[in-house]
Amino acid sequence: MIDHVSIAVADLGRAAAFYEAVLAPLGLSRLVTRERTIGFGKRYPEFWLNLRPETRPVANPGAHVCLRAPDAEAVQAFHAAALRLGGTDEGMPGERGAAMTTYFAAFVVDPDGNKIEAACFPRT
């Protein structure tokens, strides 16, 4: 249903280094690099960073982006990389209950205040 997502970042170089490490365990890599934007994905860019120098960290982000992980180990690696590179824990890796299923996920807030989740779901 959703083709791609973009987030605003104040420092494109810092954000690129953060997301290259954080997204690698999820199988996403940098596919597009332009002066003010970078796109990550598997086959085509699905997750974009857009330079907005005026961006300030969001206080108490209400919305978040959830990225699918292949397994629990990838979720744990995502979370560890985020914390190592200046992200903030918003939910340690672990099982979460949802309306229809239980899944394994972790939540972080990046240095620009964007809340990002990595999750793997049981195969049905």
PDB file of N, CA and C in Angstrom:
ATOM      1  N   MET A   1       0.807  -1.178   0.000  1.00  0.00           N
ATOM      2  CA  MET A   1       0.000   0.000   0.000  1.00  0.00           C
ATOM      3  C   MET A   1       0.862   1.259   0.000  1.00  0.00           C
ATOM      4  N   ILE A   2       1.908   1.321   0.816  1.00  0.00           N
ATOM      5  CA  ILE A   2       2.788   2.486   0.840  1.00  0.00           C
ATOM      6  C   ILE A   2       4.006   2.171  -0.012  1.00  0.00           C
ATOM      7  N   ASP A   3       4.357   3.073  -0.914  1.00  0.00           N
ATOM      8  CA  ASP A   3       5.487   2.856  -1.810  1.00  0.00           C
ATOM      9  C   ASP A   3       6.813   3.221  -1.175  1.00  0.00           C
ATOM     10  N   HIS A   4       6.860   4.361  -0.490  1.00  0.00           N
ATOM     11  CA  HIS A   4       8.105   4.777   0.154  1.00  0.00           C
ATOM     12  C   HIS A   4       7.802   5.770   1.271  1.00  0.00           C
ATOM     13  N   VAL A   5       8.813   6.002   2.105  1.00  0.00           N
ATOM     14  CA  VAL A   5       8.713   6.922   3.232  1.00  0.00           C
ATOM     15  C   VAL A   5       9.937   7.811   3.205  1.00  0.00           C
ATOM     16  N   SER A   6       9.767   9.083   3.560  1.00  0.00           N
ATOM     17  CA  SER A   6      10.929   9.963   3.691  1.00  0.00           C
ATOM     18  C   SER A   6      10.876  10.659   5.040  1.00  0.00           C
ATOM     19  N   ILE A   7      12.056  10.907   5.595  1.00  0.00           N
ATOM     20  CA  ILE A   7      12.161  11.624   6.859  1.00  0.00           C
ATOM     21  C   ILE A   7      13.124  12.787   6.681  1.00  0.00           C
ATOM     22  N   ALA A   8      12.935  13.829   7.467  1.00  0.00           N
ATOM     23  CA  ALA A   8      13.804  15.001   7.426  1.00  0.00           C
ATOM     24  C   ALA A   8      14.961  14.815   8.400  1.00  0.00           C
ATOM     25  N   VAL A   9      16.150  15.211   7.962  1.00  0.00           N
ATOM     26  CA  VAL A   9      17.342  15.146   8.808  1.00  0.00           C
ATOM     27  C   VAL A   9      18.093  16.470   8.705  1.00  0.00           C
ATOM     28  N   ALA A  10      18.760  16.858   9.793  1.00  0.00           N
ATOM     29  CA  ALA A  10      19.489  18.127   9.819  1.00  0.00           C
ATOM     30  C   ALA A  10      20.886  18.009   9.222  1.00  0.00           C
ATOM     31  N   ASP A  11      21.481  16.825   9.321  1.00  0.00           N
ATOM     32  CA  ASP A  11      22.853  16.594   8.850  1.00  0.00           C
ATOM     33  C   ASP A  11      22.839  15.312   8.021  1.00  0.00           C
ATOM     34  N   LEU A  12      22.906  15.456   6.703  1.00  0.00           N
ATOM     35  CA  LEU A  12      22.769  14.297   5.814  1.00  0.00           C
ATOM     36  C   LEU A  12      23.906  13.299   5.997  1.00  0.00           C
ATOM     37  N   GLY A  13      25.128  13.776   6.197  1.00  0.00           N
ATOM     38  CA  GLY A  13      26.257  12.873   6.400  1.00  0.00           C
ATOM     39  C   GLY A  13      26.113  12.042   7.658  1.00  0.00           C
ATOM     40  N   ARG A  14      25.751  12.683   8.758  1.00  0.00           N
ATOM     41  CA  ARG A  14      25.552  11.968  10.024  1.00  0.00           C
ATOM     42  C   ARG A  14      24.416  10.961   9.893  1.00  0.00           C
ATOM     43  N   ALA A  15      23.310  11.393   9.289  1.00  0.00           N
ATOM     44  CA  ALA A  15      22.156  10.508   9.129  1.00  0.00           C
ATOM     45  C   ALA A  15      22.486   9.334   8.211  1.00  0.00           C
ATOM     46  N   ALA A  16      23.267   9.583   7.152  1.00  0.00           N
ATOM     47  CA  ALA A  16      23.651   8.501   6.240  1.00  0.00           C
ATOM     48  C   ALA A  16      24.457   7.443   6.977  1.00  0.00           C
ATOM     49  N   ALA A  17      25.426   7.865   7.785  1.00  0.00           N
ATOM     50  CA  ALA A  17      26.237   6.907   8.547  1.00  0.00           C
ATOM     51  C   ALA A  17      25.365   6.125   9.528  1.00  0.00           C
ATOM     52  N   PHE A  18      24.455   6.813  10.201  1.00  0.00           N
ATOM     53  CA  PHE A  18      23.543   6.171  11.147  1.00  0.00           C
ATOM     54  C   PHE A  18      22.697   5.121  10.436  1.00  0.00           C
ATOM     55  N   TYR A  19      22.041   5.515   9.349  1.00  0.00           N
ATOM     56  CA  TYR A  19      21.114   4.604   8.685  1.00  0.00           C
ATOM     57  C   TYR A  19      21.806   3.508   7.886  1.00  0.00           C
ATOM     58  N   GLU A  20      22.996   3.737   7.377  1.00  0.00           N
ATOM     59  CA  GLU A  20      23.717   2.640   6.719  1.00  0.00           C
ATOM     60  C   GLU A  20      23.936   1.497   7.700  1.00  0.00           C
ATOM     61  N   ALA A  21      24.335   1.815   8.932  1.00  0.00           N
ATOM     62  CA  ALA A  21      24.574   0.782   9.942  1.00  0.00           C
ATOM     63  C   ALA A  21      23.276   0.184  10.474  1.00  0.00           C
ATOM     64  N   VAL A  22      22.273   1.016  10.682  1.00  0.00           N
ATOM     65  CA  VAL A  22      21.014   0.567  11.275  1.00  0.00           C
ATOM     66  C   VAL A  22      20.176  -0.263  10.296  1.00  0.00           C
ATOM     67  N   LEU A  23      20.209   0.103   9.027  1.00  0.00           N
ATOM     68  CA  LEU A  23      19.385  -0.596   8.039  1.00  0.00           C
ATOM     69  C   LEU A  23      20.048  -1.844   7.461  1.00  0.00           C
ATOM     70  N   ALA A  24      21.362  -1.954   7.564  1.00  0.00           N
ATOM     71  CA  ALA A  24      22.066  -3.121   7.005  1.00  0.00           C
ATOM     72  C   ALA A  24      21.524  -4.449   7.538  1.00  0.00           C
ATOM     73  N   PRO A  25      21.275  -4.606   8.851  1.00  0.00           N
ATOM     74  CA  PRO A  25      20.734  -5.884   9.324  1.00  0.00           C
ATOM     75  C   PRO A  25      19.357  -6.216   8.747  1.00  0.00           C
ATOM     76  N   LEU A  26      18.659  -5.203   8.247  1.00  0.00           N
ATOM     77  CA  LEU A  26      17.330  -5.416   7.670  1.00  0.00           C
ATOM     78  C   LEU A  26      17.399  -5.701   6.174  1.00  0.00           C
ATOM     79  N   GLY A  27      18.626  -5.731   5.634  1.00  0.00           N
ATOM     80  CA  GLY A  27      18.806  -6.022   4.213  1.00  0.00           C
ATOM     81  C   GLY A  27      18.660  -4.814   3.312  1.00  0.00           C
ATOM     82  N   LEU A  28      18.658  -3.604   3.888  1.00  0.00           N
ATOM     83  CA  LEU A  28      18.526  -2.383   3.094  1.00  0.00           C
ATOM     84  C   LEU A  28      19.889  -1.725   2.935  1.00  0.00           C
ATOM     85  N   SER A  29      20.162  -1.216   1.753  1.00  0.00           N
ATOM     86  CA  SER A  29      21.427  -0.525   1.499  1.00  0.00           C
ATOM     87  C   SER A  29      21.158   0.769   0.746  1.00  0.00           C
ATOM     88  N   ARG A  30      22.176   1.610   0.707  1.00  0.00           N
ATOM     89  CA  ARG A  30      22.048   2.890   0.007  1.00  0.00           C
ATOM     90  C   ARG A  30      22.009   2.626  -1.491  1.00  0.00           C
ATOM     91  N   LEU A  31      20.961   3.101  -2.152  1.00  0.00           N
ATOM     92  CA  LEU A  31      20.804   2.910  -3.591  1.00  0.00           C
ATOM     93  C   LEU A  31      20.915   4.209  -4.373  1.00  0.00           C
ATOM     94  N   VAL A  32      20.579   5.331  -3.736  1.00  0.00           N
ATOM     95  CA  VAL A  32      20.597   6.632  -4.409  1.00  0.00           C
ATOM     96  C   VAL A  32      21.285   7.638  -3.493  1.00  0.00           C
ATOM     97  N   THR A  33      22.192   8.417  -4.073  1.00  0.00           N
ATOM     98  CA  THR A  33      22.827   9.513  -3.343  1.00  0.00           C
ATOM     99  C   THR A  33      22.758  10.758  -4.206  1.00  0.00           C
ATOM    100  N   ARG A  34      22.123  11.774  -3.671  1.00  0.00           N
ATOM    101  CA  ARG A  34      22.051  13.074  -4.339  1.00  0.00           C
ATOM    102  C   ARG A  34      22.507  14.131  -3.341  1.00  0.00           C
ATOM    103  N   GLU A  35      22.584  15.360  -3.805  1.00  0.00           N
ATOM    104  CA  GLU A  35      23.097  16.431  -2.952  1.00  0.00           C
ATOM    105  C   GLU A  35      22.304  16.585  -1.652  1.00  0.00           C
ATOM    106  N   ARG A  36      20.978  16.468  -1.722  1.00  0.00           N
ATOM    107  CA  ARG A  36      20.141  16.726  -0.550  1.00  0.00           C
ATOM    108  C   ARG A  36      19.257  15.540  -0.148  1.00  0.00           C
ATOM    109  N   THR A  37      19.511  14.384  -0.732  1.00  0.00           N
ATOM    110  CA  THR A  37      18.674  13.227  -0.409  1.00  0.00           C
ATOM    111  C   THR A  37      19.438  11.928  -0.624  1.00  0.00           C
ATOM    112  N   ILE A  38      19.095  10.917   0.158  1.00  0.00           N
ATOM    113  CA  ILE A  38      19.680   9.581   0.042  1.00  0.00           C
ATOM    114  C   ILE A  38      18.534   8.582   0.139  1.00  0.00           C
ATOM    115  N   GLY A  39      18.537   7.577  -0.741  1.00  0.00           N
ATOM    116  CA  GLY A  39      17.496   6.557  -0.727  1.00  0.00           C
ATOM    117  C   GLY A  39      18.055   5.185  -0.405  1.00  0.00           C
ATOM    118  N   PHE A  40      17.392   4.468   0.488  1.00  0.00           N
ATOM    119  CA  PHE A  40      17.768   3.110   0.882  1.00  0.00           C
ATOM    120  C   PHE A  40      16.678   2.138   0.443  1.00  0.00           C
ATOM    121  N   GLY A  41      17.074   0.917   0.149  1.00  0.00           N
ATOM    122  CA  GLY A  41      16.104  -0.100  -0.198  1.00  0.00           C
ATOM    123  C   GLY A  41      16.784  -1.411  -0.509  1.00  0.00           C
ATOM    124  N   LYS A  42      15.996  -2.341  -1.033  1.00  0.00           N
ATOM    125  CA  LYS A  42      16.528  -3.630  -1.493  1.00  0.00           C
ATOM    126  C   LYS A  42      16.702  -3.587  -2.999  1.00  0.00           C
ATOM    127  N   ARG A  43      15.619  -3.392  -3.729  1.00  0.00           N
ATOM    128  CA  ARG A  43      15.683  -3.311  -5.194  1.00  0.00           C
ATOM    129  C   ARG A  43      15.496  -1.886  -5.694  1.00  0.00           C
ATOM    130  N   TYR A  44      14.753  -1.096  -4.959  1.00  0.00           N
ATOM    131  CA  TYR A  44      14.523   0.307  -5.309  1.00  0.00           C
ATOM    132  C   TYR A  44      14.408   1.094  -4.000  1.00  0.00           C
ATOM    133  N   PRO A  45      14.619   2.405  -4.036  1.00  0.00           N
ATOM    134  CA  PRO A  45      14.578   3.192  -2.800  1.00  0.00           C
ATOM    135  C   PRO A  45      13.179   3.213  -2.173  1.00  0.00           C
ATOM    136  N   GLU A  46      13.122   2.795  -0.922  1.00  0.00           N
ATOM    137  CA  GLU A  46      11.864   2.762  -0.179  1.00  0.00           C
ATOM    138  C   GLU A  46      11.900   3.664   1.046  1.00  0.00           C
ATOM    139  N   PHE A  47      13.103   3.992   1.495  1.00  0.00           N
ATOM    140  CA  PHE A  47      13.288   4.793   2.707  1.00  0.00           C
ATOM    141  C   PHE A  47      14.257   5.922   2.378  1.00  0.00           C
ATOM    142  N   TRP A  48      13.772   7.148   2.438  1.00  0.00           N
ATOM    143  CA  TRP A  48      14.551   8.313   2.011  1.00  0.00           C
ATOM    144  C   TRP A  48      14.918   9.209   3.183  1.00  0.00           C
ATOM    145  N   LEU A  49      16.120   9.767   3.124  1.00  0.00           N
ATOM    146  CA  LEU A  49      16.560  10.826   4.028  1.00  0.00           C
ATOM    147  C   LEU A  49      16.592  12.108   3.213  1.00  0.00           C
ATOM    148  N   ASN A  50      15.949  13.145   3.691  1.00  0.00           N
ATOM    149  CA  ASN A  50      15.936  14.436   3.000  1.00  0.00           C
ATOM    150  C   ASN A  50      16.556  15.498   3.891  1.00  0.00           C
ATOM    151  N   LEU A  51      17.570  16.183   3.367  1.00  0.00           N
ATOM    152  CA  LEU A  51      18.251  17.224   4.122  1.00  0.00           C
ATOM    153  C   LEU A  51      17.333  18.419   4.335  1.00  0.00           C
ATOM    154  N   ARG A  52      17.141  18.738   5.580  1.00  0.00           N
ATOM    155  CA  ARG A  52      16.404  19.925   6.001  1.00  0.00           C
ATOM    156  C   ARG A  52      17.213  20.505   7.164  1.00  0.00           C
ATOM    157  N   PRO A  53      18.186  21.395   6.871  1.00  0.00           N
ATOM    158  CA  PRO A  53      19.081  21.891   7.923  1.00  0.00           C
ATOM    159  C   PRO A  53      18.360  22.510   9.115  1.00  0.00           C
ATOM    160  N   GLU A  54      17.165  23.006   8.905  1.00  0.00           N
ATOM    161  CA  GLU A  54      16.416  23.622  10.000  1.00  0.00           C
ATOM    162  C   GLU A  54      15.758  22.596  10.919  1.00  0.00           C
ATOM    163  N   THR A  55      15.869  21.311  10.590  1.00  0.00           N
ATOM    164  CA  THR A  55      15.255  20.252  11.383  1.00  0.00           C
ATOM    165  C   THR A  55      15.824  20.247  12.793  1.00  0.00           C
ATOM    166  N   ARG A  56      14.939  20.189  13.762  1.00  0.00           N
ATOM    167  CA  ARG A  56      15.322  20.051  15.164  1.00  0.00           C
ATOM    168  C   ARG A  56      14.712  18.753  15.663  1.00  0.00           C
ATOM    169  N   PRO A  57      15.370  18.098  16.611  1.00  0.00           N
ATOM    170  CA  PRO A  57      14.793  16.847  17.113  1.00  0.00           C
ATOM    171  C   PRO A  57      13.342  17.026  17.550  1.00  0.00           C
ATOM    172  N   VAL A  58      12.523  16.082  17.137  1.00  0.00           N
ATOM    173  CA  VAL A  58      11.103  16.088  17.461  1.00  0.00           C
ATOM    174  C   VAL A  58      10.939  15.660  18.915  1.00  0.00           C
ATOM    175  N   ALA A  59      10.218  16.432  19.688  1.00  0.00           N
ATOM    176  CA  ALA A  59       9.937  16.057  21.072  1.00  0.00           C
ATOM    177  C   ALA A  59       8.739  15.118  21.085  1.00  0.00           C
ATOM    178  N   ASN A  60       8.893  13.980  21.724  1.00  0.00           N
ATOM    179  CA  ASN A  60       7.808  13.008  21.848  1.00  0.00           C
ATOM    180  C   ASN A  60       7.158  12.673  20.513  1.00  0.00           C
ATOM    181  N   PRO A  61       7.918  12.069  19.593  1.00  0.00           N
ATOM    182  CA  PRO A  61       7.331  11.757  18.285  1.00  0.00           C
ATOM    183  C   PRO A  61       6.134  10.823  18.431  1.00  0.00           C
ATOM    184  N   GLY A  62       5.024  11.215  17.847  1.00  0.00           N
ATOM    185  CA  GLY A  62       3.826  10.398  17.923  1.00  0.00           C
ATOM    186  C   GLY A  62       3.773   9.370  16.805  1.00  0.00           C
ATOM    187  N   ALA A  63       4.181   9.770  15.615  1.00  0.00           N
ATOM    188  CA  ALA A  63       4.184   8.856  14.471  1.00  0.00           C
ATOM    189  C   ALA A  63       5.515   8.117  14.421  1.00  0.00           C
ATOM    190  N   HIS A  64       5.492   6.962  13.803  1.00  0.00           N
ATOM    191  CA  HIS A  64       6.743   6.237  13.599  1.00  0.00           C
ATOM    192  C   HIS A  64       6.659   5.418  12.323  1.00  0.00           C
ATOM    193  N   VAL A  65       7.824   4.991  11.863  1.00  0.00           N
ATOM    194  CA  VAL A  65       7.938   4.137  10.684  1.00  0.00           C
ATOM    195  C   VAL A  65       8.371   2.763  11.168  1.00  0.00           C
ATOM    196  N   CYS A  66       7.705   1.720  10.696  1.00  0.00           N
ATOM    197  CA  CYS A  66       8.084   0.345  11.025  1.00  0.00           C
ATOM    198  C   CYS A  66       8.666  -0.314   9.786  1.00  0.00           C
ATOM    199  N   LEU A  67       9.871  -0.845   9.927  1.00  0.00           N
ATOM    200  CA  LEU A  67      10.556  -1.537   8.834  1.00  0.00           C
ATOM    201  C   LEU A  67      10.587  -3.029   9.138  1.00  0.00           C
ATOM    202  N   ARG A  68      10.295  -3.839   8.141  1.00  0.00           N
ATOM    203  CA  ARG A  68      10.244  -5.283   8.330  1.00  0.00           C
ATOM    204  C   ARG A  68      11.650  -5.865   8.408  1.00  0.00           C
ATOM    205  N   ALA A  69      11.864  -6.701   9.392  1.00  0.00           N
ATOM    206  CA  ALA A  69      13.136  -7.397   9.580  1.00  0.00           C
ATOM    207  C   ALA A  69      12.952  -8.870   9.218  1.00  0.00           C
ATOM    208  N   PRO A  70      14.019  -9.526   8.749  1.00  0.00           N
ATOM    209  CA  PRO A  70      13.874 -10.937   8.386  1.00  0.00           C
ATOM    210  C   PRO A  70      13.720 -11.861   9.590  1.00  0.00           C
ATOM    211  N   ASP A  71      14.262 -11.467  10.747  1.00  0.00           N
ATOM    212  CA  ASP A  71      14.209 -12.328  11.927  1.00  0.00           C
ATOM    213  C   ASP A  71      14.543 -11.521  13.178  1.00  0.00           C
ATOM    214  N   ALA A  72      14.430 -12.176  14.338  1.00  0.00           N
ATOM    215  CA  ALA A  72      14.683 -11.501  15.614  1.00  0.00           C
ATOM    216  C   ALA A  72      16.130 -11.028  15.733  1.00  0.00           C
ATOM    217  N   GLU A  73      17.057 -11.784  15.185  1.00  0.00           N
ATOM    218  CA  GLU A  73      18.465 -11.384  15.248  1.00  0.00           C
ATOM    219  C   GLU A  73      18.688 -10.065  14.517  1.00  0.00           C
ATOM    220  N   ALA A  74      18.017  -9.867  13.406  1.00  0.00           N
ATOM    221  CA  ALA A  74      18.137  -8.610  12.664  1.00  0.00           C
ATOM    222  C   ALA A  74      17.546  -7.454  13.464  1.00  0.00           C
ATOM    223  N   VAL A  75      16.446  -7.701  14.164  1.00  0.00           N
ATOM    224  CA  VAL A  75      15.851  -6.668  15.017  1.00  0.00           C
ATOM    225  C   VAL A  75      16.847  -6.270  16.104  1.00  0.00           C
ATOM    226  N   GLN A  76      17.478  -7.255  16.723  1.00  0.00           N
ATOM    227  CA  GLN A  76      18.459  -6.973  17.773  1.00  0.00           C
ATOM    228  C   GLN A  76      19.659  -6.207  17.223  1.00  0.00           C
ATOM    229  N   ALA A  77      20.129  -6.566  16.039  1.00  0.00           N
ATOM    230  CA  ALA A  77      21.266  -5.873  15.422  1.00  0.00           C
ATOM    231  C   ALA A  77      20.894  -4.437  15.052  1.00  0.00           C
ATOM    232  N   PHE A  78      19.688  -4.232  14.549  1.00  0.00           N
ATOM    233  CA  PHE A  78      19.166  -2.890  14.255  1.00  0.00           C
ATOM    234  C   PHE A  78      19.216  -2.021  15.511  1.00  0.00           C
ATOM    235  N   HIS A  79      18.687  -2.542  16.596  1.00  0.00           N
ATOM    236  CA  HIS A  79      18.615  -1.800  17.855  1.00  0.00           C
ATOM    237  C   HIS A  79      20.014  -1.489  18.386  1.00  0.00           C
ATOM    238  N   ALA A  80      20.896  -2.474  18.391  1.00  0.00           N
ATOM    239  CA  ALA A  80      22.261  -2.272  18.891  1.00  0.00           C
ATOM    240  C   ALA A  80      23.007  -1.224  18.070  1.00  0.00           C
ATOM    241  N   ALA A  81      22.875  -1.283  16.751  1.00  0.00           N
ATOM    242  CA  ALA A  81      23.548  -0.304  15.886  1.00  0.00           C
ATOM    243  C   ALA A  81      23.022   1.098  16.153  1.00  0.00           C
ATOM    244  N   ALA A  82      21.719   1.223  16.316  1.00  0.00           N
ATOM    245  CA  ALA A  82      21.131   2.540  16.570  1.00  0.00           C
ATOM    246  C   ALA A  82      21.664   3.141  17.868  1.00  0.00           C
ATOM    247  N   LEU A  83      21.719   2.353  18.919  1.00  0.00           N
ATOM    248  CA  LEU A  83      22.208   2.868  20.199  1.00  0.00           C
ATOM    249  C   LEU A  83      23.691   3.214  20.125  1.00  0.00           C
ATOM    250  N   ARG A  84      24.451   2.400  19.425  1.00  0.00           N
ATOM    251  CA  ARG A  84      25.893   2.636  19.271  1.00  0.00           C
ATOM    252  C   ARG A  84      26.168   3.951  18.540  1.00  0.00           C
ATOM    253  N   LEU A  85      25.264   4.348  17.637  1.00  0.00           N
ATOM    254  CA  LEU A  85      25.486   5.528  16.803  1.00  0.00           C
ATOM    255  C   LEU A  85      24.670   6.749  17.237  1.00  0.00           C
ATOM    256  N   GLY A  86      24.242   6.775  18.482  1.00  0.00           N
ATOM    257  CA  GLY A  86      23.592   7.973  19.000  1.00  0.00           C
ATOM    258  C   GLY A  86      22.085   7.953  19.037  1.00  0.00           C
ATOM    259  N   GLY A  87      21.473   6.834  18.677  1.00  0.00           N
ATOM    260  CA  GLY A  87      20.024   6.721  18.795  1.00  0.00           C
ATOM    261  C   GLY A  87      19.619   6.505  20.243  1.00  0.00           C
ATOM    262  N   THR A  88      18.340   6.670  20.503  1.00  0.00           N
ATOM    263  CA  THR A  88      17.795   6.512  21.850  1.00  0.00           C
ATOM    264  C   THR A  88      16.831   5.336  21.862  1.00  0.00           C
ATOM    265  N   ASP A  89      16.923   4.523  22.902  1.00  0.00           N
ATOM    266  CA  ASP A  89      16.019   3.385  23.043  1.00  0.00           C
ATOM    267  C   ASP A  89      14.598   3.865  23.318  1.00  0.00           C
ATOM    268  N   GLU A  90      13.649   3.323  22.560  1.00  0.00           N
ATOM    269  CA  GLU A  90      12.225   3.597  22.786  1.00  0.00           C
ATOM    270  C   GLU A  90      11.448   2.299  22.982  1.00  0.00           C
ATOM    271  N   GLY A  91      12.172   1.195  23.106  1.00  0.00           N
ATOM    272  CA  GLY A  91      11.555  -0.108  23.294  1.00  0.00           C
ATOM    273  C   GLY A  91      12.552  -1.193  22.956  1.00  0.00           C
ATOM    274  N   MET A  92      13.083  -1.837  23.981  1.00  0.00           N
ATOM    275  CA  MET A  92      14.091  -2.880  23.788  1.00  0.00           C
ATOM    276  C   MET A  92      13.547  -4.003  22.900  1.00  0.00           C
ATOM    277  N   PRO A  93      14.439  -4.736  22.224  1.00  0.00           N
ATOM    278  CA  PRO A  93      13.981  -5.871  21.422  1.00  0.00           C
ATOM    279  C   PRO A  93      13.204  -6.870  22.280  1.00  0.00           C
ATOM    280  N   GLY A  94      12.065  -7.294  21.771  1.00  0.00           N
ATOM    281  CA  GLY A  94      11.258  -8.262  22.492  1.00  0.00           C
ATOM    282  C   GLY A  94       9.921  -8.482  21.813  1.00  0.00           C
ATOM    283  N   GLU A  95       9.169  -9.427  22.364  1.00  0.00           N
ATOM    284  CA  GLU A  95       7.853  -9.735  21.808  1.00  0.00           C
ATOM    285  C   GLU A  95       6.870  -8.629  22.157  1.00  0.00           C
ATOM    286  N   ARG A  96       6.025  -8.333  21.204  1.00  0.00           N
ATOM    287  CA  ARG A  96       4.979  -7.333  21.370  1.00  0.00           C
ATOM    288  C   ARG A  96       3.648  -7.984  20.999  1.00  0.00           C
ATOM    289  N   GLY A  97       2.616  -7.587  21.663  1.00  0.00           N
ATOM    290  CA  GLY A  97       1.284  -8.070  21.319  1.00  0.00           C
ATOM    291  C   GLY A  97       0.603  -7.068  20.404  1.00  0.00           C
ATOM    292  N   ALA A  98      -0.134  -7.566  19.467  1.00  0.00           N
ATOM    293  CA  ALA A  98      -0.896  -6.708  18.557  1.00  0.00           C
ATOM    294  C   ALA A  98      -2.303  -7.274  18.463  1.00  0.00           C
ATOM    295  N   ALA A  99      -3.144  -6.588  17.757  1.00  0.00           N
ATOM    296  CA  ALA A  99      -4.537  -7.001  17.647  1.00  0.00           C
ATOM    297  C   ALA A  99      -4.682  -8.407  17.079  1.00  0.00           C
ATOM    298  N   MET A 100      -3.794  -8.774  16.136  1.00  0.00           N
ATOM    299  CA  MET A 100      -3.989 -10.044  15.446  1.00  0.00           C
ATOM    300  C   MET A 100      -2.889 -11.069  15.698  1.00  0.00           C
ATOM    301  N   THR A 101      -1.731 -10.638  16.209  1.00  0.00           N
ATOM    302  CA  THR A 101      -0.629 -11.576  16.354  1.00  0.00           C
ATOM    303  C   THR A 101       0.390 -11.039  17.351  1.00  0.00           C
ATOM    304  N   THR A 102       1.308 -11.879  17.738  1.00  0.00           N
ATOM    305  CA  THR A 102       2.459 -11.466  18.526  1.00  0.00           C
ATOM    306  C   THR A 102       3.627 -11.356  17.563  1.00  0.00           C
ATOM    307  N   TYR A 103       4.435 -10.328  17.745  1.00  0.00           N
ATOM    308  CA  TYR A 103       5.581 -10.145  16.867  1.00  0.00           C
ATOM    309  C   TYR A 103       6.776  -9.682  17.679  1.00  0.00           C
ATOM    310  N   PHE A 104       7.963  -9.697  17.076  1.00  0.00           N
ATOM    311  CA  PHE A 104       9.205  -9.322  17.743  1.00  0.00           C
ATOM    312  C   PHE A 104       9.660  -7.991  17.175  1.00  0.00           C
ATOM    313  N   ALA A 105       9.909  -7.011  18.040  1.00  0.00           N
ATOM    314  CA  ALA A 105      10.230  -5.672  17.544  1.00  0.00           C
ATOM    315  C   ALA A 105      11.114  -4.904  18.515  1.00  0.00           C
ATOM    316  N   ALA A 106      11.675  -3.813  18.003  1.00  0.00           N
ATOM    317  CA  ALA A 106      12.425  -2.846  18.807  1.00  0.00           C
ATOM    318  C   ALA A 106      12.149  -1.465  18.241  1.00  0.00           C
ATOM    319  N   PHE A 107      12.189  -0.463  19.107  1.00  0.00           N
ATOM    320  CA  PHE A 107      11.943   0.924  18.724  1.00  0.00           C
ATOM    321  C   PHE A 107      13.141   1.780  19.109  1.00  0.00           C
ATOM    322  N   VAL A 108      13.505   2.700  18.224  1.00  0.00           N
ATOM    323  CA  VAL A 108      14.561   3.668  18.518  1.00  0.00           C
ATOM    324  C   VAL A 108      14.123   5.044  18.022  1.00  0.00           C
ATOM    325  N   VAL A 109      14.767   6.068  18.564  1.00  0.00           N
ATOM    326  CA  VAL A 109      14.618   7.423  18.047  1.00  0.00           C
ATOM    327  C   VAL A 109      15.981   7.826  17.517  1.00  0.00           C
ATOM    328  N   ASP A 110      16.026   8.259  16.257  1.00  0.00           N
ATOM    329  CA  ASP A 110      17.303   8.640  15.648  1.00  0.00           C
ATOM    330  C   ASP A 110      17.767  10.003  16.172  1.00  0.00           C
ATOM    331  N   PRO A 111      18.986  10.432  15.838  1.00  0.00           N
ATOM    332  CA  PRO A 111      19.487  11.713  16.342  1.00  0.00           C
ATOM    333  C   PRO A 111      18.652  12.932  15.937  1.00  0.00           C
ATOM    334  N   ASP A 112      17.790  12.798  14.934  1.00  0.00           N
ATOM    335  CA  ASP A 112      16.916  13.897  14.524  1.00  0.00           C
ATOM    336  C   ASP A 112      15.528  13.809  15.143  1.00  0.00           C
ATOM    337  N   GLY A 113      15.302  12.807  15.983  1.00  0.00           N
ATOM    338  CA  GLY A 113      14.017  12.687  16.662  1.00  0.00           C
ATOM    339  C   GLY A 113      12.979  11.849  15.947  1.00  0.00           C
ATOM    340  N   ASN A 114      13.363  11.152  14.872  1.00  0.00           N
ATOM    341  CA  ASN A 114      12.434  10.285  14.143  1.00  0.00           C
ATOM    342  C   ASN A 114      12.352   8.927  14.835  1.00  0.00           C
ATOM    343  N   LYS A 115      11.142   8.459  15.108  1.00  0.00           N
ATOM    344  CA  LYS A 115      10.943   7.165  15.765  1.00  0.00           C
ATOM    345  C   LYS A 115      10.860   6.072  14.703  1.00  0.00           C
ATOM    346  N   ILE A 116      11.742   5.088  14.819  1.00  0.00           N
ATOM    347  CA  ILE A 116      11.840   4.009  13.839  1.00  0.00           C
ATOM    348  C   ILE A 116      11.707   2.673  14.573  1.00  0.00           C
ATOM    349  N   GLU A 117      10.939   1.776  14.004  1.00  0.00           N
ATOM    350  CA  GLU A 117      10.742   0.433  14.552  1.00  0.00           C
ATOM    351  C   GLU A 117      11.242  -0.587  13.548  1.00  0.00           C
ATOM    352  N   ALA A 118      11.830  -1.659  14.048  1.00  0.00           N
ATOM    353  CA  ALA A 118      12.126  -2.831  13.220  1.00  0.00           C
ATOM    354  C   ALA A 118      11.330  -3.985  13.815  1.00  0.00           C
ATOM    355  N   ALA A 119      10.675  -4.775  12.956  1.00  0.00           N
ATOM    356  CA  ALA A 119       9.822  -5.849  13.446  1.00  0.00           C
ATOM    357  C   ALA A 119       9.873  -7.049  12.517  1.00  0.00           C
ATOM    358  N   CYS A 120       9.784  -8.225  13.121  1.00  0.00           N
ATOM    359  CA  CYS A 120       9.605  -9.441  12.329  1.00  0.00           C
ATOM    360  C   CYS A 120       8.331 -10.110  12.823  1.00  0.00           C
ATOM    361  N   PHE A 121       7.619 -10.674  11.895  1.00  0.00           N
ATOM    362  CA  PHE A 121       6.323 -11.253  12.172  1.00  0.00           C
ATOM    363  C   PHE A 121       6.382 -12.749  11.924  1.00  0.00           C
ATOM    364  N   PRO A 122       5.604 -13.530  12.681  1.00  0.00           N
ATOM    365  CA  PRO A 122       5.614 -14.974  12.453  1.00  0.00           C
ATOM    366  C   PRO A 122       5.090 -15.301  11.063  1.00  0.00           C
ATOM    367  N   ARG A 123       5.666 -16.310  10.485  1.00  0.00           N
ATOM    368  CA  ARG A 123       5.188 -16.757   9.168  1.00  0.00           C
ATOM    369  C   ARG A 123       3.893 -17.524   9.370  1.00  0.00           C
ATOM    370  N   THR A 124       2.923 -17.239   8.499  1.00  0.00           N
ATOM    371  CA  THR A 124       1.634 -17.926   8.627  1.00  0.00           C
ATOM    372  C   THR A 124       1.387 -18.786   7.422  1.00  0.00           C
TER     373      THR A 124
END
